[in-house]
Amino acid sequence: MSLNQSILLLILGCTLVTFLPRILPFLVVRNLQLPAPVLKWLSFIPICILTALVVESVIVKTSHSIAVNWLTLIAIVPTLLLALRTKSLAITVIFGVIFMGLLRLCSTYL
């Protein structure tokens, strides 16, 4: 496979477009003292993103209606309880992935 100049420029352009919006705000803000209300508002962003991801995986749009993905909902409850108890992201993620995998494995045999 040959790598000509236009493909190399395309890859570099895509890299620039991907990284600039992610890195530039951090470079600009790192030396600024942000007001307390802004910092408080920013602290809610991770939980909002997590909630959106979880809700999207639980509520499934079918062709005519909205349905609940019960397998995912069953996995969320013990994972959430473990997260509240341990307050460890690593333990929670590992448990959640293993539990969901076991649920999917068991559902294929039922």
PDB file of N, CA and C in Angstrom:
ATOM      1  N   MET A   1       0.846  -1.173   0.000  1.00  0.00           N
ATOM      2  CA  MET A   1       0.000   0.000   0.000  1.00  0.00           C
ATOM      3  C   MET A   1       0.892   1.238   0.000  1.00  0.00           C
ATOM      4  N   SER A   2       0.672   2.093  -0.934  1.00  0.00           N
ATOM      5  CA  SER A   2       1.491   3.291  -1.008  1.00  0.00           C
ATOM      6  C   SER A   2       0.782   4.453  -0.310  1.00  0.00           C
ATOM      7  N   LEU A   3       1.577   5.332   0.223  1.00  0.00           N
ATOM      8  CA  LEU A   3       1.048   6.494   0.936  1.00  0.00           C
ATOM      9  C   LEU A   3       1.478   7.728   0.156  1.00  0.00           C
ATOM     10  N   ASN A   4       0.560   8.278  -0.622  1.00  0.00           N
ATOM     11  CA  ASN A   4       0.929   9.453  -1.393  1.00  0.00           C
ATOM     12  C   ASN A   4       0.674  10.718  -0.571  1.00  0.00           C
ATOM     13  N   GLN A   5       1.050  11.832  -1.104  1.00  0.00           N
ATOM     14  CA  GLN A   5       1.010  13.097  -0.374  1.00  0.00           C
ATOM     15  C   GLN A   5      -0.418  13.515  -0.017  1.00  0.00           C
ATOM     16  N   SER A   6      -1.379  13.294  -0.884  1.00  0.00           N
ATOM     17  CA  SER A   6      -2.752  13.727  -0.595  1.00  0.00           C
ATOM     18  C   SER A   6      -3.352  12.908   0.552  1.00  0.00           C
ATOM     19  N   ILE A   7      -3.059  11.620   0.611  1.00  0.00           N
ATOM     20  CA  ILE A   7      -3.565  10.805   1.720  1.00  0.00           C
ATOM     21  C   ILE A   7      -2.908  11.231   3.025  1.00  0.00           C
ATOM     22  N   LEU A   8      -1.628  11.499   2.991  1.00  0.00           N
ATOM     23  CA  LEU A   8      -0.923  11.954   4.198  1.00  0.00           C
ATOM     24  C   LEU A   8      -1.483  13.290   4.684  1.00  0.00           C
ATOM     25  N   LEU A   9      -1.744  14.212   3.771  1.00  0.00           N
ATOM     26  CA  LEU A   9      -2.332  15.497   4.147  1.00  0.00           C
ATOM     27  C   LEU A   9      -3.750  15.316   4.690  1.00  0.00           C
ATOM     28  N   LEU A  10      -4.501  14.402   4.122  1.00  0.00           N
ATOM     29  CA  LEU A  10      -5.844  14.117   4.612  1.00  0.00           C
ATOM     30  C   LEU A  10      -5.804  13.566   6.039  1.00  0.00           C
ATOM     31  N   ILE A  11      -4.880  12.647   6.298  1.00  0.00           N
ATOM     32  CA  ILE A  11      -4.737  12.080   7.644  1.00  0.00           C
ATOM     33  C   ILE A  11      -4.317  13.167   8.634  1.00  0.00           C
ATOM     34  N   LEU A  12      -3.383  13.999   8.251  1.00  0.00           N
ATOM     35  CA  LEU A  12      -2.946  15.083   9.138  1.00  0.00           C
ATOM     36  C   LEU A  12      -4.070  16.091   9.379  1.00  0.00           C
ATOM     37  N   GLY A  13      -4.847  16.392   8.351  1.00  0.00           N
ATOM     38  CA  GLY A  13      -5.976  17.310   8.502  1.00  0.00           C
ATOM     39  C   GLY A  13      -7.039  16.738   9.431  1.00  0.00           C
ATOM     40  N   CYS A  14      -7.339  15.463   9.274  1.00  0.00           N
ATOM     41  CA  CYS A  14      -8.321  14.819  10.153  1.00  0.00           C
ATOM     42  C   CYS A  14      -7.821  14.793  11.595  1.00  0.00           C
ATOM     43  N   THR A  15      -6.536  14.562  11.768  1.00  0.00           N
ATOM     44  CA  THR A  15      -5.949  14.579  13.113  1.00  0.00           C
ATOM     45  C   THR A  15      -6.081  15.956  13.735  1.00  0.00           C
ATOM     46  N   LEU A  16      -5.791  16.977  12.976  1.00  0.00           N
ATOM     47  CA  LEU A  16      -5.890  18.350  13.467  1.00  0.00           C
ATOM     48  C   LEU A  16      -7.330  18.701  13.837  1.00  0.00           C
ATOM     49  N   VAL A  17      -8.274  18.345  12.974  1.00  0.00           N
ATOM     50  CA  VAL A  17      -9.681  18.654  13.222  1.00  0.00           C
ATOM     51  C   VAL A  17     -10.206  17.866  14.422  1.00  0.00           C
ATOM     52  N   THR A  18      -9.670  16.684  14.661  1.00  0.00           N
ATOM     53  CA  THR A  18     -10.106  15.877  15.790  1.00  0.00           C
ATOM     54  C   THR A  18      -9.538  16.393  17.112  1.00  0.00           C
ATOM     55  N   PHE A  19      -8.270  16.747  17.121  1.00  0.00           N
ATOM     56  CA  PHE A  19      -7.626  17.111  18.378  1.00  0.00           C
ATOM     57  C   PHE A  19      -7.794  18.574  18.785  1.00  0.00           C
ATOM     58  N   LEU A  20      -7.881  19.476  17.835  1.00  0.00           N
ATOM     59  CA  LEU A  20      -7.989  20.897  18.187  1.00  0.00           C
ATOM     60  C   LEU A  20      -9.190  21.217  19.075  1.00  0.00           C
ATOM     61  N   PRO A  21     -10.399  20.773  18.745  1.00  0.00           N
ATOM     62  CA  PRO A  21     -11.530  21.104  19.625  1.00  0.00           C
ATOM     63  C   PRO A  21     -11.431  20.451  21.007  1.00  0.00           C
ATOM     64  N   ARG A  22     -10.637  19.413  21.132  1.00  0.00           N
ATOM     65  CA  ARG A  22     -10.502  18.735  22.420  1.00  0.00           C
ATOM     66  C   ARG A  22      -9.384  19.326  23.268  1.00  0.00           C
ATOM     67  N   ILE A  23      -8.307  19.740  22.638  1.00  0.00           N
ATOM     68  CA  ILE A  23      -7.140  20.208  23.378  1.00  0.00           C
ATOM     69  C   ILE A  23      -7.137  21.716  23.568  1.00  0.00           C
ATOM     70  N   LEU A  24      -7.580  22.460  22.559  1.00  0.00           N
ATOM     71  CA  LEU A  24      -7.536  23.914  22.620  1.00  0.00           C
ATOM     72  C   LEU A  24      -8.267  24.497  23.831  1.00  0.00           C
ATOM     73  N   PRO A  25      -9.466  24.046  24.169  1.00  0.00           N
ATOM     74  CA  PRO A  25     -10.122  24.614  25.359  1.00  0.00           C
ATOM     75  C   PRO A  25      -9.317  24.398  26.647  1.00  0.00           C
ATOM     76  N   PHE A  26      -8.674  23.257  26.783  1.00  0.00           N
ATOM     77  CA  PHE A  26      -7.865  23.009  27.975  1.00  0.00           C
ATOM     78  C   PHE A  26      -6.652  23.939  28.024  1.00  0.00           C
ATOM     79  N   LEU A  27      -6.050  24.184  26.884  1.00  0.00           N
ATOM     80  CA  LEU A  27      -4.900  25.076  26.851  1.00  0.00           C
ATOM     81  C   LEU A  27      -5.294  26.516  27.182  1.00  0.00           C
ATOM     82  N   VAL A  28      -6.468  26.926  26.739  1.00  0.00           N
ATOM     83  CA  VAL A  28      -6.930  28.290  26.994  1.00  0.00           C
ATOM     84  C   VAL A  28      -7.337  28.470  28.454  1.00  0.00           C
ATOM     85  N   VAL A  29      -8.015  27.474  29.016  1.00  0.00           N
ATOM     86  CA  VAL A  29      -8.612  27.612  30.351  1.00  0.00           C
ATOM     87  C   VAL A  29      -7.635  27.292  31.477  1.00  0.00           C
ATOM     88  N   ARG A  30      -6.569  26.573  31.211  1.00  0.00           N
ATOM     89  CA  ARG A  30      -5.707  26.110  32.301  1.00  0.00           C
ATOM     90  C   ARG A  30      -5.057  27.241  33.104  1.00  0.00           C
ATOM     91  N   ASN A  31      -4.854  28.393  32.505  1.00  0.00           N
ATOM     92  CA  ASN A  31      -4.239  29.515  33.223  1.00  0.00           C
ATOM     93  C   ASN A  31      -5.265  30.541  33.704  1.00  0.00           C
ATOM     94  N   LEU A  32      -6.545  30.269  33.501  1.00  0.00           N
ATOM     95  CA  LEU A  32      -7.591  31.188  33.932  1.00  0.00           C
ATOM     96  C   LEU A  32      -8.180  30.726  35.261  1.00  0.00           C
ATOM     97  N   GLN A  33      -8.584  31.670  36.058  1.00  0.00           N
ATOM     98  CA  GLN A  33      -9.312  31.373  37.288  1.00  0.00           C
ATOM     99  C   GLN A  33     -10.793  31.521  36.982  1.00  0.00           C
ATOM    100  N   LEU A  34     -11.476  30.398  36.855  1.00  0.00           N
ATOM    101  CA  LEU A  34     -12.890  30.430  36.502  1.00  0.00           C
ATOM    102  C   LEU A  34     -13.736  30.752  37.725  1.00  0.00           C
ATOM    103  N   PRO A  35     -14.839  31.466  37.549  1.00  0.00           N
ATOM    104  CA  PRO A  35     -15.728  31.771  38.667  1.00  0.00           C
ATOM    105  C   PRO A  35     -16.347  30.490  39.231  1.00  0.00           C
ATOM    106  N   ALA A  36     -16.711  30.536  40.504  1.00  0.00           N
ATOM    107  CA  ALA A  36     -17.281  29.378  41.193  1.00  0.00           C
ATOM    108  C   ALA A  36     -18.542  28.841  40.509  1.00  0.00           C
ATOM    109  N   PRO A  37     -19.479  29.712  40.046  1.00  0.00           N
ATOM    110  CA  PRO A  37     -20.656  29.159  39.359  1.00  0.00           C
ATOM    111  C   PRO A  37     -20.304  28.373  38.090  1.00  0.00           C
ATOM    112  N   VAL A  38     -19.278  28.805  37.374  1.00  0.00           N
ATOM    113  CA  VAL A  38     -18.865  28.090  36.163  1.00  0.00           C
ATOM    114  C   VAL A  38     -18.277  26.734  36.536  1.00  0.00           C
ATOM    115  N   LEU A  39     -17.450  26.702  37.567  1.00  0.00           N
ATOM    116  CA  LEU A  39     -16.868  25.435  38.024  1.00  0.00           C
ATOM    117  C   LEU A  39     -17.950  24.480  38.502  1.00  0.00           C
ATOM    118  N   LYS A  40     -18.952  25.011  39.207  1.00  0.00           N
ATOM    119  CA  LYS A  40     -20.054  24.163  39.663  1.00  0.00           C
ATOM    120  C   LYS A  40     -20.818  23.606  38.465  1.00  0.00           C
ATOM    121  N   TRP A  41     -21.080  24.442  37.469  1.00  0.00           N
ATOM    122  CA  TRP A  41     -21.782  24.003  36.271  1.00  0.00           C
ATOM    123  C   TRP A  41     -20.967  22.928  35.543  1.00  0.00           C
ATOM    124  N   LEU A  42     -19.669  23.121  35.431  1.00  0.00           N
ATOM    125  CA  LEU A  42     -18.812  22.144  34.761  1.00  0.00           C
ATOM    126  C   LEU A  42     -18.778  20.809  35.506  1.00  0.00           C
ATOM    127  N   SER A  43     -18.963  20.838  36.813  1.00  0.00           N
ATOM    128  CA  SER A  43     -18.922  19.593  37.585  1.00  0.00           C
ATOM    129  C   SER A  43     -20.108  18.686  37.276  1.00  0.00           C
ATOM    130  N   PHE A  44     -21.186  19.229  36.713  1.00  0.00           N
ATOM    131  CA  PHE A  44     -22.360  18.421  36.383  1.00  0.00           C
ATOM    132  C   PHE A  44     -22.258  17.745  35.015  1.00  0.00           C
ATOM    133  N   ILE A  45     -21.307  18.136  34.203  1.00  0.00           N
ATOM    134  CA  ILE A  45     -21.209  17.597  32.846  1.00  0.00           C
ATOM    135  C   ILE A  45     -20.972  16.079  32.835  1.00  0.00           C
ATOM    136  N   PRO A  46     -20.037  15.527  33.628  1.00  0.00           N
ATOM    137  CA  PRO A  46     -19.837  14.070  33.569  1.00  0.00           C
ATOM    138  C   PRO A  46     -21.089  13.271  33.924  1.00  0.00           C
ATOM    139  N   ILE A  47     -21.828  13.680  34.945  1.00  0.00           N
ATOM    140  CA  ILE A  47     -23.023  12.930  35.325  1.00  0.00           C
ATOM    141  C   ILE A  47     -24.112  13.062  34.268  1.00  0.00           C
ATOM    142  N   CYS A  48     -24.193  14.194  33.609  1.00  0.00           N
ATOM    143  CA  CYS A  48     -25.174  14.366  32.535  1.00  0.00           C
ATOM    144  C   CYS A  48     -24.843  13.460  31.349  1.00  0.00           C
ATOM    145  N   ILE A  49     -23.580  13.375  31.007  1.00  0.00           N
ATOM    146  CA  ILE A  49     -23.171  12.515  29.898  1.00  0.00           C
ATOM    147  C   ILE A  49     -23.421  11.053  30.248  1.00  0.00           C
ATOM    148  N   LEU A  50     -23.067  10.654  31.476  1.00  0.00           N
ATOM    149  CA  LEU A  50     -23.290   9.273  31.903  1.00  0.00           C
ATOM    150  C   LEU A  50     -24.781   8.932  31.891  1.00  0.00           C
ATOM    151  N   THR A  51     -25.602   9.845  32.384  1.00  0.00           N
ATOM    152  CA  THR A  51     -27.047   9.620  32.391  1.00  0.00           C
ATOM    153  C   THR A  51     -27.582   9.464  30.974  1.00  0.00           C
ATOM    154  N   ALA A  52     -27.123  10.301  30.069  1.00  0.00           N
ATOM    155  CA  ALA A  52     -27.576  10.202  28.676  1.00  0.00           C
ATOM    156  C   ALA A  52     -27.186   8.863  28.061  1.00  0.00           C
ATOM    157  N   LEU A  53     -25.981   8.395  28.347  1.00  0.00           N
ATOM    158  CA  LEU A  53     -25.541   7.109  27.810  1.00  0.00           C
ATOM    159  C   LEU A  53     -26.351   5.954  28.386  1.00  0.00           C
ATOM    160  N   VAL A  54     -26.620   6.002  29.678  1.00  0.00           N
ATOM    161  CA  VAL A  54     -27.375   4.925  30.328  1.00  0.00           C
ATOM    162  C   VAL A  54     -28.813   4.906  29.829  1.00  0.00           C
ATOM    163  N   VAL A  55     -29.441   6.065  29.784  1.00  0.00           N
ATOM    164  CA  VAL A  55     -30.838   6.131  29.342  1.00  0.00           C
ATOM    165  C   VAL A  55     -30.948   5.684  27.888  1.00  0.00           C
ATOM    166  N   GLU A  56     -29.987   6.056  27.071  1.00  0.00           N
ATOM    167  CA  GLU A  56     -30.014   5.656  25.667  1.00  0.00           C
ATOM    168  C   GLU A  56     -29.914   4.139  25.521  1.00  0.00           C
ATOM    169  N   SER A  57     -29.181   3.488  26.412  1.00  0.00           N
ATOM    170  CA  SER A  57     -29.060   2.035  26.297  1.00  0.00           C
ATOM    171  C   SER A  57     -30.242   1.298  26.910  1.00  0.00           C
ATOM    172  N   VAL A  58     -30.997   1.949  27.793  1.00  0.00           N
ATOM    173  CA  VAL A  58     -32.152   1.301  28.426  1.00  0.00           C
ATOM    174  C   VAL A  58     -33.409   1.492  27.588  1.00  0.00           C
ATOM    175  N   ILE A  59     -33.615   2.686  27.067  1.00  0.00           N
ATOM    176  CA  ILE A  59     -34.818   2.974  26.281  1.00  0.00           C
ATOM    177  C   ILE A  59     -34.478   2.804  24.806  1.00  0.00           C
ATOM    178  N   VAL A  60     -35.176   1.873  24.183  1.00  0.00           N
ATOM    179  CA  VAL A  60     -34.895   1.525  22.798  1.00  0.00           C
ATOM    180  C   VAL A  60     -36.095   1.918  21.939  1.00  0.00           C
ATOM    181  N   LYS A  61     -35.825   2.610  20.857  1.00  0.00           N
ATOM    182  CA  LYS A  61     -36.898   2.990  19.927  1.00  0.00           C
ATOM    183  C   LYS A  61     -37.080   1.868  18.922  1.00  0.00           C
ATOM    184  N   THR A  62     -38.282   1.320  18.893  1.00  0.00           N
ATOM    185  CA  THR A  62     -38.610   0.312  17.895  1.00  0.00           C
ATOM    186  C   THR A  62     -39.280   1.011  16.718  1.00  0.00           C
ATOM    187  N   SER A  63     -39.749   0.241  15.752  1.00  0.00           N
ATOM    188  CA  SER A  63     -40.335   0.859  14.561  1.00  0.00           C
ATOM    189  C   SER A  63     -41.629   1.607  14.866  1.00  0.00           C
ATOM    190  N   HIS A  64     -42.394   1.155  15.875  1.00  0.00           N
ATOM    191  CA  HIS A  64     -43.676   1.780  16.156  1.00  0.00           C
ATOM    192  C   HIS A  64     -43.788   2.388  17.547  1.00  0.00           C
ATOM    193  N   SER A  65     -42.866   2.080  18.426  1.00  0.00           N
ATOM    194  CA  SER A  65     -43.005   2.580  19.798  1.00  0.00           C
ATOM    195  C   SER A  65     -41.647   2.623  20.487  1.00  0.00           C
ATOM    196  N   ILE A  66     -41.710   2.867  21.768  1.00  0.00           N
ATOM    197  CA  ILE A  66     -40.507   2.878  22.601  1.00  0.00           C
ATOM    198  C   ILE A  66     -40.584   1.685  23.536  1.00  0.00           C
ATOM    199  N   ALA A  67     -39.472   0.970  23.685  1.00  0.00           N
ATOM    200  CA  ALA A  67     -39.438  -0.209  24.539  1.00  0.00           C
ATOM    201  C   ALA A  67     -38.293  -0.086  25.541  1.00  0.00           C
ATOM    202  N   VAL A  68     -38.345  -0.920  26.547  1.00  0.00           N
ATOM    203  CA  VAL A  68     -37.295  -0.954  27.567  1.00  0.00           C
ATOM    204  C   VAL A  68     -36.411  -2.162  27.307  1.00  0.00           C
ATOM    205  N   ASN A  69     -35.116  -1.951  27.315  1.00  0.00           N
ATOM    206  CA  ASN A  69     -34.162  -3.049  27.203  1.00  0.00           C
ATOM    207  C   ASN A  69     -33.979  -3.620  28.611  1.00  0.00           C
ATOM    208  N   TRP A  70     -34.741  -4.655  28.918  1.00  0.00           N
ATOM    209  CA  TRP A  70     -34.774  -5.192  30.281  1.00  0.00           C
ATOM    210  C   TRP A  70     -33.446  -5.790  30.696  1.00  0.00           C
ATOM    211  N   LEU A  71     -32.714  -6.361  29.774  1.00  0.00           N
ATOM    212  CA  LEU A  71     -31.417  -6.942  30.109  1.00  0.00           C
ATOM    213  C   LEU A  71     -30.462  -5.870  30.619  1.00  0.00           C
ATOM    214  N   THR A  72     -30.441  -4.745  29.951  1.00  0.00           N
ATOM    215  CA  THR A  72     -29.584  -3.636  30.389  1.00  0.00           C
ATOM    216  C   THR A  72     -30.064  -3.074  31.718  1.00  0.00           C
ATOM    217  N   LEU A  73     -31.350  -2.944  31.890  1.00  0.00           N
ATOM    218  CA  LEU A  73     -31.893  -2.428  33.145  1.00  0.00           C
ATOM    219  C   LEU A  73     -31.568  -3.360  34.310  1.00  0.00           C
ATOM    220  N   ILE A  74     -31.639  -4.672  34.066  1.00  0.00           N
ATOM    221  CA  ILE A  74     -31.283  -5.644  35.109  1.00  0.00           C
ATOM    222  C   ILE A  74     -29.808  -5.509  35.482  1.00  0.00           C
ATOM    223  N   ALA A  75     -28.952  -5.219  34.526  1.00  0.00           N
ATOM    224  CA  ALA A  75     -27.518  -5.064  34.803  1.00  0.00           C
ATOM    225  C   ALA A  75     -27.214  -3.759  35.518  1.00  0.00           C
ATOM    226  N   ILE A  76     -28.007  -2.720  35.255  1.00  0.00           N
ATOM    227  CA  ILE A  76     -27.740  -1.406  35.843  1.00  0.00           C
ATOM    228  C   ILE A  76     -27.963  -1.401  37.356  1.00  0.00           C
ATOM    229  N   VAL A  77     -29.004  -2.067  37.816  1.00  0.00           N
ATOM    230  CA  VAL A  77     -29.372  -1.985  39.242  1.00  0.00           C
ATOM    231  C   VAL A  77     -28.259  -2.488  40.161  1.00  0.00           C
ATOM    232  N   PRO A  78     -27.751  -3.725  40.011  1.00  0.00           N
ATOM    233  CA  PRO A  78     -26.675  -4.148  40.915  1.00  0.00           C
ATOM    234  C   PRO A  78     -25.375  -3.375  40.698  1.00  0.00           C
ATOM    235  N   THR A  79     -25.135  -2.955  39.463  1.00  0.00           N
ATOM    236  CA  THR A  79     -23.926  -2.172  39.200  1.00  0.00           C
ATOM    237  C   THR A  79     -23.995  -0.823  39.904  1.00  0.00           C
ATOM    238  N   LEU A  80     -25.150  -0.192  39.871  1.00  0.00           N
ATOM    239  CA  LEU A  80     -25.341   1.079  40.565  1.00  0.00           C
ATOM    240  C   LEU A  80     -25.198   0.907  42.076  1.00  0.00           C
ATOM    241  N   LEU A  81     -25.773  -0.146  42.610  1.00  0.00           N
ATOM    242  CA  LEU A  81     -25.648  -0.406  44.053  1.00  0.00           C
ATOM    243  C   LEU A  81     -24.189  -0.637  44.449  1.00  0.00           C
ATOM    244  N   LEU A  82     -23.463  -1.385  43.624  1.00  0.00           N
ATOM    245  CA  LEU A  82     -22.039  -1.605  43.898  1.00  0.00           C
ATOM    246  C   LEU A  82     -21.262  -0.292  43.821  1.00  0.00           C
ATOM    247  N   ALA A  83     -21.592   0.543  42.852  1.00  0.00           N
ATOM    248  CA  ALA A  83     -20.909   1.835  42.718  1.00  0.00           C
ATOM    249  C   ALA A  83     -21.148   2.714  43.942  1.00  0.00           C
ATOM    250  N   LEU A  84     -22.377   2.721  44.427  1.00  0.00           N
ATOM    251  CA  LEU A  84     -22.688   3.522  45.616  1.00  0.00           C
ATOM    252  C   LEU A  84     -21.976   2.983  46.852  1.00  0.00           C
ATOM    253  N   ARG A  85     -21.815   1.682  46.916  1.00  0.00           N
ATOM    254  CA  ARG A  85     -21.168   1.072  48.085  1.00  0.00           C
ATOM    255  C   ARG A  85     -19.645   1.235  48.053  1.00  0.00           C
ATOM    256  N   THR A  86     -19.019   0.944  46.911  1.00  0.00           N
ATOM    257  CA  THR A  86     -17.559   0.952  46.842  1.00  0.00           C
ATOM    258  C   THR A  86     -16.976   2.310  46.469  1.00  0.00           C
ATOM    259  N   LYS A  87     -17.730   3.096  45.692  1.00  0.00           N
ATOM    260  CA  LYS A  87     -17.248   4.383  45.173  1.00  0.00           C
ATOM    261  C   LYS A  87     -15.943   4.219  44.382  1.00  0.00           C
ATOM    262  N   SER A  88     -15.808   3.064  43.741  1.00  0.00           N
ATOM    263  CA  SER A  88     -14.629   2.770  42.933  1.00  0.00           C
ATOM    264  C   SER A  88     -15.048   2.606  41.480  1.00  0.00           C
ATOM    265  N   LEU A  89     -14.518   3.455  40.630  1.00  0.00           N
ATOM    266  CA  LEU A  89     -14.863   3.391  39.215  1.00  0.00           C
ATOM    267  C   LEU A  89     -14.377   2.086  38.595  1.00  0.00           C
ATOM    268  N   ALA A  90     -13.158   1.671  38.917  1.00  0.00           N
ATOM    269  CA  ALA A  90     -12.597   0.465  38.317  1.00  0.00           C
ATOM    270  C   ALA A  90     -13.419  -0.771  38.694  1.00  0.00           C
ATOM    271  N   ILE A  91     -13.727  -0.922  39.962  1.00  0.00           N
ATOM    272  CA  ILE A  91     -14.511  -2.080  40.414  1.00  0.00           C
ATOM    273  C   ILE A  91     -15.894  -2.058  39.776  1.00  0.00           C
ATOM    274  N   THR A  92     -16.504  -0.888  39.709  1.00  0.00           N
ATOM    275  CA  THR A  92     -17.846  -0.767  39.133  1.00  0.00           C
ATOM    276  C   THR A  92     -17.848  -1.139  37.661  1.00  0.00           C
ATOM    277  N   VAL A  93     -16.894  -0.632  36.904  1.00  0.00           N
ATOM    278  CA  VAL A  93     -16.840  -0.915  35.466  1.00  0.00           C
ATOM    279  C   VAL A  93     -16.578  -2.396  35.219  1.00  0.00           C
ATOM    280  N   ILE A  94     -15.621  -2.965  35.935  1.00  0.00           N
ATOM    281  CA  ILE A  94     -15.308  -4.387  35.761  1.00  0.00           C
ATOM    282  C   ILE A  94     -16.520  -5.248  36.105  1.00  0.00           C
ATOM    283  N   PHE A  95     -17.164  -4.946  37.233  1.00  0.00           N
ATOM    284  CA  PHE A  95     -18.350  -5.699  37.629  1.00  0.00           C
ATOM    285  C   PHE A  95     -19.457  -5.559  36.589  1.00  0.00           C
ATOM    286  N   GLY A  96     -19.710  -4.330  36.138  1.00  0.00           N
ATOM    287  CA  GLY A  96     -20.776  -4.088  35.180  1.00  0.00           C
ATOM    288  C   GLY A  96     -20.553  -4.814  33.864  1.00  0.00           C
ATOM    289  N   VAL A  97     -19.326  -4.808  33.377  1.00  0.00           N
ATOM    290  CA  VAL A  97     -19.019  -5.484  32.110  1.00  0.00           C
ATOM    291  C   VAL A  97     -19.178  -6.994  32.268  1.00  0.00           C
ATOM    292  N   ILE A  98     -18.655  -7.539  33.350  1.00  0.00           N
ATOM    293  CA  ILE A  98     -18.771  -8.988  33.575  1.00  0.00           C
ATOM    294  C   ILE A  98     -20.230  -9.382  33.771  1.00  0.00           C
ATOM    295  N   PHE A  99     -20.969  -8.606  34.562  1.00  0.00           N
ATOM    296  CA  PHE A  99     -22.371  -8.924  34.828  1.00  0.00           C
ATOM    297  C   PHE A  99     -23.197  -8.857  33.553  1.00  0.00           C
ATOM    298  N   MET A 100     -22.978  -7.838  32.750  1.00  0.00           N
ATOM    299  CA  MET A 100     -23.710  -7.714  31.486  1.00  0.00           C
ATOM    300  C   MET A 100     -23.339  -8.859  30.552  1.00  0.00           C
ATOM    301  N   GLY A 101     -22.075  -9.231  30.518  1.00  0.00           N
ATOM    302  CA  GLY A 101     -21.651 -10.356  29.692  1.00  0.00           C
ATOM    303  C   GLY A 101     -22.320 -11.654  30.110  1.00  0.00           C
ATOM    304  N   LEU A 102     -22.393 -11.881  31.430  1.00  0.00           N
ATOM    305  CA  LEU A 102     -23.056 -13.085  31.923  1.00  0.00           C
ATOM    306  C   LEU A 102     -24.549 -13.075  31.605  1.00  0.00           C
ATOM    307  N   LEU A 103     -25.178 -11.909  31.740  1.00  0.00           N
ATOM    308  CA  LEU A 103     -26.600 -11.810  31.395  1.00  0.00           C
ATOM    309  C   LEU A 103     -26.835 -12.120  29.919  1.00  0.00           C
ATOM    310  N   ARG A 104     -25.994 -11.581  29.053  1.00  0.00           N
ATOM    311  CA  ARG A 104     -26.141 -11.842  27.618  1.00  0.00           C
ATOM    312  C   ARG A 104     -25.881 -13.311  27.301  1.00  0.00           C
ATOM    313  N   LEU A 105     -24.899 -13.898  27.984  1.00  0.00           N
ATOM    314  CA  LEU A 105     -24.612 -15.312  27.783  1.00  0.00           C
ATOM    315  C   LEU A 105     -25.794 -16.170  28.205  1.00  0.00           C
ATOM    316  N   CYS A 106     -26.352 -15.861  29.377  1.00  0.00           N
ATOM    317  CA  CYS A 106     -27.501 -16.617  29.869  1.00  0.00           C
ATOM    318  C   CYS A 106     -28.733 -16.409  28.992  1.00  0.00           C
ATOM    319  N   SER A 107     -28.909 -15.208  28.458  1.00  0.00           N
ATOM    320  CA  SER A 107     -30.102 -14.944  27.641  1.00  0.00           C
ATOM    321  C   SER A 107     -30.043 -15.687  26.302  1.00  0.00           C
ATOM    322  N   THR A 108     -28.858 -16.021  25.839  1.00  0.00           N
ATOM    323  CA  THR A 108     -28.770 -16.768  24.581  1.00  0.00           C
ATOM    324  C   THR A 108     -29.201 -18.208  24.769  1.00  0.00           C
ATOM    325  N   TYR A 109     -29.107 -18.733  25.993  1.00  0.00           N
ATOM    326  CA  TYR A 109     -29.497 -20.108  26.257  1.00  0.00           C
ATOM    327  C   TYR A 109     -30.924 -20.240  26.744  1.00  0.00           C
ATOM    328  N   LEU A 110     -31.604 -19.123  26.966  1.00  0.00           N
ATOM    329  CA  LEU A 110     -32.995 -19.183  27.431  1.00  0.00           C
ATOM    330  C   LEU A 110     -33.978 -19.034  26.297  1.00  0.00           C
TER     331      LEU A 110
END
